[in-house]
Amino acid sequence: MATAKTKITRIDSYVFGRITIASRAYTSDVIIWPEKVKDRWWRRTGHTLSVEDLDDILHDPPQCLLVGQGANGLMNISDETRTMLKENGIELLAMPTAEAVNLWNRWIEAEGSRLDAVAAFHLTC
């Protein structure tokens, strides 16, 4: 899995199966922080977000985790994951990926590198 450092990770565009961040196109799911992108993000179970899928995020937990659940919002978030996030004081916002992309960009414009959030985007389904 590659991690690309960027200045501030504003999302240029999103369409089913493709997201462009800081002028670089990705065709696999991604996790983004205000200052970097990790591509080729895979989950233990393809269309379910499990605790194990968030290891990279939990090393330095953000205040908020924004989850793009796919174009049609079909990626499920397990109850165990929801409970773990709540117990660790991490706010979870989950919605279809296009909506999540718009919210992320509003946050980046308002907060820039001060943003204490991470986004995990499923690009299909």
N, C-alpha and C. Protein backbone atom coordinates (compact mmCIF):
# COMPACT_ATOMS: atom_id res chain seq x y z
N MET A 1 0.83 -1.18 0.00
CA MET A 1 0.00 0.00 0.00
C MET A 1 0.87 1.24 0.00
N ALA A 2 0.54 2.15 -0.84
CA ALA A 2 1.33 3.36 -0.96
C ALA A 2 0.72 4.49 -0.14
N THR A 3 1.57 5.30 0.41
CA THR A 3 1.13 6.50 1.11
C THR A 3 1.81 7.68 0.46
N ALA A 4 1.00 8.60 -0.04
CA ALA A 4 1.54 9.77 -0.71
C ALA A 4 1.37 10.98 0.19
N LYS A 5 2.45 11.71 0.41
CA LYS A 5 2.38 12.95 1.19
C LYS A 5 1.90 14.08 0.29
N THR A 6 0.98 14.86 0.78
CA THR A 6 0.50 16.03 0.06
C THR A 6 0.43 17.19 1.03
N LYS A 7 0.30 18.37 0.52
CA LYS A 7 0.24 19.56 1.37
C LYS A 7 -1.05 19.53 2.18
N ILE A 8 -2.17 19.64 1.53
CA ILE A 8 -3.48 19.51 2.15
C ILE A 8 -4.33 18.69 1.19
N THR A 9 -4.95 17.66 1.67
CA THR A 9 -5.63 16.72 0.80
C THR A 9 -7.06 17.13 0.46
N ARG A 10 -7.16 18.10 -0.43
CA ARG A 10 -8.46 18.47 -0.98
C ARG A 10 -8.76 17.48 -2.10
N ILE A 11 -9.99 17.06 -2.18
CA ILE A 11 -10.39 16.11 -3.20
C ILE A 11 -10.84 16.89 -4.44
N ASP A 12 -10.19 16.61 -5.56
CA ASP A 12 -10.50 17.30 -6.81
C ASP A 12 -11.81 16.80 -7.42
N SER A 13 -12.00 15.47 -7.41
CA SER A 13 -13.22 14.92 -8.00
C SER A 13 -13.43 13.48 -7.53
N TYR A 14 -14.68 13.06 -7.64
CA TYR A 14 -15.03 11.66 -7.35
C TYR A 14 -16.12 11.24 -8.32
N VAL A 15 -15.92 10.10 -8.94
CA VAL A 15 -16.94 9.40 -9.71
C VAL A 15 -16.82 7.94 -9.33
N PHE A 16 -17.83 7.16 -9.60
CA PHE A 16 -17.83 5.74 -9.26
C PHE A 16 -16.50 5.09 -9.65
N GLY A 17 -15.79 4.55 -8.67
CA GLY A 17 -14.55 3.82 -8.92
C GLY A 17 -13.30 4.67 -9.10
N ARG A 18 -13.41 5.99 -8.96
CA ARG A 18 -12.24 6.85 -9.18
C ARG A 18 -12.34 8.13 -8.35
N ILE A 19 -11.26 8.44 -7.65
CA ILE A 19 -11.18 9.67 -6.88
C ILE A 19 -9.87 10.35 -7.22
N THR A 20 -9.90 11.66 -7.37
CA THR A 20 -8.70 12.42 -7.68
C THR A 20 -8.43 13.35 -6.50
N ILE A 21 -7.22 13.23 -5.95
CA ILE A 21 -6.82 13.99 -4.78
C ILE A 21 -5.49 14.66 -5.09
N ALA A 22 -5.44 15.96 -4.92
CA ALA A 22 -4.22 16.73 -5.20
C ALA A 22 -3.65 16.37 -6.58
N SER A 23 -4.53 16.32 -7.56
CA SER A 23 -4.20 16.06 -8.97
C SER A 23 -3.76 14.62 -9.27
N ARG A 24 -3.85 13.72 -8.30
CA ARG A 24 -3.49 12.32 -8.53
C ARG A 24 -4.75 11.46 -8.48
N ALA A 25 -4.94 10.62 -9.50
CA ALA A 25 -6.12 9.76 -9.57
C ALA A 25 -5.86 8.43 -8.88
N TYR A 26 -6.87 7.95 -8.15
CA TYR A 26 -6.82 6.66 -7.45
C TYR A 26 -8.03 5.86 -7.89
N THR A 27 -7.82 4.56 -8.12
CA THR A 27 -8.93 3.69 -8.52
C THR A 27 -9.17 2.59 -7.49
N SER A 28 -8.54 2.70 -6.35
CA SER A 28 -8.82 1.79 -5.24
C SER A 28 -9.23 2.64 -4.05
N ASP A 29 -9.86 2.01 -3.08
CA ASP A 29 -10.32 2.73 -1.90
C ASP A 29 -9.15 3.41 -1.21
N VAL A 30 -9.43 4.52 -0.53
CA VAL A 30 -8.37 5.33 0.07
C VAL A 30 -8.74 5.76 1.49
N ILE A 31 -7.70 6.02 2.26
CA ILE A 31 -7.84 6.70 3.54
C ILE A 31 -7.07 8.00 3.38
N ILE A 32 -7.69 9.11 3.80
CA ILE A 32 -6.98 10.38 3.69
C ILE A 32 -6.97 11.11 5.03
N TRP A 33 -5.84 11.74 5.27
CA TRP A 33 -5.62 12.62 6.40
C TRP A 33 -5.43 14.02 5.81
N PRO A 34 -5.44 15.06 6.60
CA PRO A 34 -5.21 16.38 6.02
C PRO A 34 -3.88 16.51 5.28
N GLU A 35 -2.89 15.66 5.61
CA GLU A 35 -1.57 15.81 4.99
C GLU A 35 -1.09 14.62 4.17
N LYS A 36 -1.90 13.54 4.07
CA LYS A 36 -1.43 12.38 3.30
C LYS A 36 -2.60 11.53 2.83
N VAL A 37 -2.29 10.65 1.88
CA VAL A 37 -3.26 9.72 1.30
C VAL A 37 -2.67 8.33 1.33
N LYS A 38 -3.48 7.36 1.73
CA LYS A 38 -3.09 5.95 1.63
C LYS A 38 -4.06 5.29 0.66
N ASP A 39 -3.51 4.76 -0.43
CA ASP A 39 -4.38 4.10 -1.40
C ASP A 39 -4.33 2.58 -1.21
N ARG A 40 -5.10 1.89 -2.01
CA ARG A 40 -5.22 0.43 -1.95
C ARG A 40 -5.66 -0.05 -0.57
N TRP A 41 -6.59 0.68 0.01
CA TRP A 41 -7.14 0.31 1.32
C TRP A 41 -8.13 -0.82 1.13
N TRP A 42 -7.86 -1.95 1.77
CA TRP A 42 -8.73 -3.12 1.69
C TRP A 42 -9.29 -3.42 3.06
N ARG A 43 -10.50 -3.90 3.08
CA ARG A 43 -11.13 -4.32 4.32
C ARG A 43 -11.13 -5.83 4.44
N ARG A 44 -11.13 -6.28 5.69
CA ARG A 44 -11.14 -7.72 5.97
C ARG A 44 -12.30 -8.39 5.23
N THR A 45 -13.46 -7.77 5.28
CA THR A 45 -14.64 -8.23 4.55
C THR A 45 -15.03 -7.09 3.63
N GLY A 46 -14.98 -7.32 2.34
CA GLY A 46 -15.12 -6.28 1.33
C GLY A 46 -16.11 -5.16 1.55
N HIS A 47 -17.33 -5.47 1.95
CA HIS A 47 -18.35 -4.43 2.06
C HIS A 47 -18.79 -4.18 3.50
N THR A 48 -17.90 -4.50 4.43
CA THR A 48 -18.15 -4.21 5.85
C THR A 48 -16.90 -3.57 6.44
N LEU A 49 -17.08 -2.50 7.18
CA LEU A 49 -15.98 -1.85 7.86
C LEU A 49 -15.85 -2.47 9.25
N SER A 50 -14.70 -3.12 9.50
CA SER A 50 -14.44 -3.78 10.77
C SER A 50 -13.35 -3.05 11.53
N VAL A 51 -13.24 -3.33 12.81
CA VAL A 51 -12.23 -2.69 13.65
C VAL A 51 -10.84 -2.87 13.05
N GLU A 52 -10.53 -4.07 12.57
CA GLU A 52 -9.21 -4.37 12.01
C GLU A 52 -8.87 -3.50 10.80
N ASP A 53 -9.88 -3.00 10.13
CA ASP A 53 -9.67 -2.19 8.93
C ASP A 53 -9.19 -0.78 9.24
N LEU A 54 -9.21 -0.42 10.53
CA LEU A 54 -8.89 0.95 10.93
C LEU A 54 -7.56 1.06 11.65
N ASP A 55 -6.71 0.03 11.57
CA ASP A 55 -5.42 0.04 12.28
C ASP A 55 -4.61 1.31 11.99
N ASP A 56 -4.51 1.70 10.73
CA ASP A 56 -3.73 2.89 10.37
C ASP A 56 -4.29 4.15 11.02
N ILE A 57 -5.58 4.21 11.15
CA ILE A 57 -6.23 5.37 11.72
C ILE A 57 -6.06 5.41 13.24
N LEU A 58 -6.11 4.25 13.86
CA LEU A 58 -6.10 4.17 15.32
C LEU A 58 -4.72 4.39 15.93
N HIS A 59 -3.66 4.38 15.13
CA HIS A 59 -2.32 4.68 15.66
C HIS A 59 -2.25 6.10 16.21
N ASP A 60 -2.98 7.00 15.59
CA ASP A 60 -3.06 8.39 16.02
C ASP A 60 -4.52 8.81 15.83
N PRO A 61 -5.39 8.43 16.75
CA PRO A 61 -6.82 8.61 16.54
C PRO A 61 -7.25 10.06 16.34
N PRO A 62 -8.08 10.29 15.34
CA PRO A 62 -8.61 11.63 15.11
C PRO A 62 -9.83 11.88 16.00
N GLN A 63 -10.27 13.10 16.00
CA GLN A 63 -11.51 13.45 16.69
C GLN A 63 -12.71 12.88 15.94
N CYS A 64 -12.59 12.82 14.60
CA CYS A 64 -13.71 12.40 13.77
C CYS A 64 -13.23 11.48 12.65
N LEU A 65 -14.01 10.43 12.38
CA LEU A 65 -13.78 9.56 11.23
C LEU A 65 -14.96 9.73 10.29
N LEU A 66 -14.67 10.18 9.07
CA LEU A 66 -15.67 10.33 8.03
C LEU A 66 -15.56 9.13 7.10
N VAL A 67 -16.66 8.41 6.92
CA VAL A 67 -16.64 7.21 6.08
C VAL A 67 -17.55 7.43 4.87
N GLY A 68 -16.96 7.29 3.68
CA GLY A 68 -17.72 7.27 2.44
C GLY A 68 -18.08 5.82 2.19
N GLN A 69 -19.35 5.49 2.25
CA GLN A 69 -19.81 4.10 2.19
C GLN A 69 -20.04 3.59 0.77
N GLY A 70 -19.49 4.27 -0.23
CA GLY A 70 -19.66 3.86 -1.61
C GLY A 70 -20.69 4.73 -2.32
N ALA A 71 -20.72 4.62 -3.61
CA ALA A 71 -21.61 5.46 -4.43
C ALA A 71 -23.06 5.34 -3.99
N ASN A 72 -23.47 4.15 -3.62
CA ASN A 72 -24.86 3.93 -3.20
C ASN A 72 -24.99 3.70 -1.70
N GLY A 73 -23.91 3.94 -0.96
CA GLY A 73 -23.95 3.79 0.49
C GLY A 73 -24.10 2.37 0.97
N LEU A 74 -23.57 1.40 0.22
CA LEU A 74 -23.79 -0.01 0.54
C LEU A 74 -22.76 -0.62 1.49
N MET A 75 -21.65 0.06 1.75
CA MET A 75 -20.67 -0.51 2.68
C MET A 75 -21.20 -0.38 4.11
N ASN A 76 -21.31 -1.49 4.79
CA ASN A 76 -21.83 -1.55 6.15
C ASN A 76 -20.73 -1.23 7.15
N ILE A 77 -21.10 -0.68 8.29
CA ILE A 77 -20.16 -0.47 9.39
C ILE A 77 -20.62 -1.37 10.53
N SER A 78 -19.75 -2.29 10.92
CA SER A 78 -20.14 -3.27 11.94
C SER A 78 -20.46 -2.59 13.27
N ASP A 79 -21.33 -3.23 14.05
CA ASP A 79 -21.67 -2.71 15.38
C ASP A 79 -20.43 -2.65 16.26
N GLU A 80 -19.55 -3.64 16.12
CA GLU A 80 -18.31 -3.67 16.89
C GLU A 80 -17.45 -2.43 16.58
N THR A 81 -17.40 -2.05 15.32
CA THR A 81 -16.63 -0.87 14.91
C THR A 81 -17.26 0.39 15.48
N ARG A 82 -18.56 0.50 15.38
CA ARG A 82 -19.26 1.67 15.92
C ARG A 82 -18.99 1.80 17.43
N THR A 83 -19.06 0.68 18.13
CA THR A 83 -18.83 0.68 19.59
C THR A 83 -17.41 1.08 19.91
N MET A 84 -16.43 0.51 19.20
CA MET A 84 -15.03 0.82 19.44
C MET A 84 -14.75 2.31 19.22
N LEU A 85 -15.28 2.87 18.15
CA LEU A 85 -15.06 4.30 17.88
C LEU A 85 -15.65 5.15 18.99
N LYS A 86 -16.86 4.82 19.40
CA LYS A 86 -17.51 5.58 20.47
C LYS A 86 -16.72 5.49 21.77
N GLU A 87 -16.25 4.28 22.11
CA GLU A 87 -15.48 4.08 23.34
C GLU A 87 -14.16 4.84 23.33
N ASN A 88 -13.63 5.10 22.13
CA ASN A 88 -12.37 5.83 21.99
C ASN A 88 -12.58 7.32 21.73
N GLY A 89 -13.82 7.77 21.85
CA GLY A 89 -14.11 9.18 21.69
C GLY A 89 -13.98 9.70 20.28
N ILE A 90 -14.12 8.81 19.29
CA ILE A 90 -14.01 9.19 17.88
C ILE A 90 -15.42 9.30 17.31
N GLU A 91 -15.76 10.50 16.86
CA GLU A 91 -17.07 10.70 16.24
C GLU A 91 -17.08 10.03 14.87
N LEU A 92 -18.14 9.32 14.55
CA LEU A 92 -18.29 8.64 13.27
C LEU A 92 -19.36 9.34 12.46
N LEU A 93 -19.01 9.73 11.25
CA LEU A 93 -19.98 10.24 10.28
C LEU A 93 -19.87 9.34 9.06
N ALA A 94 -20.98 8.74 8.66
CA ALA A 94 -20.99 7.82 7.52
C ALA A 94 -22.11 8.20 6.57
N MET A 95 -21.78 8.17 5.27
CA MET A 95 -22.74 8.57 4.25
C MET A 95 -22.21 8.10 2.89
N PRO A 96 -23.04 8.19 1.83
CA PRO A 96 -22.54 7.85 0.50
C PRO A 96 -21.28 8.67 0.18
N THR A 97 -20.40 8.09 -0.59
CA THR A 97 -19.08 8.70 -0.83
C THR A 97 -19.16 10.10 -1.42
N ALA A 98 -20.03 10.35 -2.37
CA ALA A 98 -20.10 11.70 -2.96
C ALA A 98 -20.43 12.76 -1.90
N GLU A 99 -21.33 12.44 -0.99
CA GLU A 99 -21.67 13.37 0.09
C GLU A 99 -20.48 13.55 1.03
N ALA A 100 -19.79 12.46 1.33
CA ALA A 100 -18.63 12.52 2.22
C ALA A 100 -17.51 13.35 1.60
N VAL A 101 -17.31 13.22 0.30
CA VAL A 101 -16.29 14.01 -0.41
C VAL A 101 -16.60 15.51 -0.27
N ASN A 102 -17.86 15.87 -0.48
CA ASN A 102 -18.24 17.28 -0.36
C ASN A 102 -18.01 17.79 1.06
N LEU A 103 -18.35 17.00 2.06
CA LEU A 103 -18.14 17.40 3.45
C LEU A 103 -16.65 17.54 3.75
N TRP A 104 -15.85 16.58 3.30
CA TRP A 104 -14.39 16.63 3.52
C TRP A 104 -13.83 17.94 2.94
N ASN A 105 -14.21 18.27 1.73
CA ASN A 105 -13.69 19.49 1.10
C ASN A 105 -14.11 20.75 1.87
N ARG A 106 -15.32 20.77 2.39
CA ARG A 106 -15.73 21.92 3.21
C ARG A 106 -14.87 22.00 4.47
N TRP A 107 -14.59 20.86 5.09
CA TRP A 107 -13.74 20.84 6.28
C TRP A 107 -12.34 21.32 5.96
N ILE A 108 -11.76 20.82 4.86
CA ILE A 108 -10.40 21.22 4.47
C ILE A 108 -10.34 22.72 4.21
N GLU A 109 -11.33 23.27 3.52
CA GLU A 109 -11.35 24.70 3.25
C GLU A 109 -11.44 25.51 4.54
N ALA A 110 -12.18 25.01 5.51
CA ALA A 110 -12.36 25.74 6.76
C ALA A 110 -11.20 25.56 7.73
N GLU A 111 -10.66 24.35 7.81
CA GLU A 111 -9.66 24.01 8.83
C GLU A 111 -8.24 23.79 8.32
N GLY A 112 -8.10 23.40 7.05
CA GLY A 112 -6.77 23.11 6.51
C GLY A 112 -6.08 22.02 7.30
N SER A 113 -4.79 22.19 7.54
CA SER A 113 -4.00 21.16 8.22
C SER A 113 -4.34 21.05 9.71
N ARG A 114 -5.15 21.96 10.23
CA ARG A 114 -5.58 21.87 11.63
C ARG A 114 -6.71 20.86 11.80
N LEU A 115 -7.26 20.38 10.72
CA LEU A 115 -8.39 19.46 10.76
C LEU A 115 -8.01 18.18 11.52
N ASP A 116 -8.78 17.84 12.53
CA ASP A 116 -8.53 16.63 13.32
C ASP A 116 -9.53 15.56 12.90
N ALA A 117 -9.41 15.14 11.64
CA ALA A 117 -10.31 14.14 11.08
C ALA A 117 -9.54 13.30 10.07
N VAL A 118 -10.08 12.12 9.85
CA VAL A 118 -9.56 11.21 8.83
C VAL A 118 -10.78 10.75 8.04
N ALA A 119 -10.59 10.51 6.74
CA ALA A 119 -11.67 10.02 5.90
C ALA A 119 -11.26 8.70 5.27
N ALA A 120 -12.21 7.78 5.24
CA ALA A 120 -12.01 6.48 4.59
C ALA A 120 -13.09 6.35 3.52
N PHE A 121 -12.65 6.24 2.27
CA PHE A 121 -13.60 6.25 1.16
C PHE A 121 -13.62 4.94 0.39
N HIS A 122 -14.81 4.33 0.33
CA HIS A 122 -15.06 3.19 -0.54
C HIS A 122 -15.55 3.79 -1.86
N LEU A 123 -14.93 3.43 -2.97
CA LEU A 123 -15.17 4.13 -4.23
C LEU A 123 -16.25 3.52 -5.11
N THR A 124 -16.63 2.28 -4.86
CA THR A 124 -17.65 1.64 -5.70
C THR A 124 -18.91 1.40 -4.86
N CYS A 125 -19.77 0.56 -5.34
CA CYS A 125 -21.00 0.12 -4.66
C CYS A 125 -21.79 1.25 -4.05
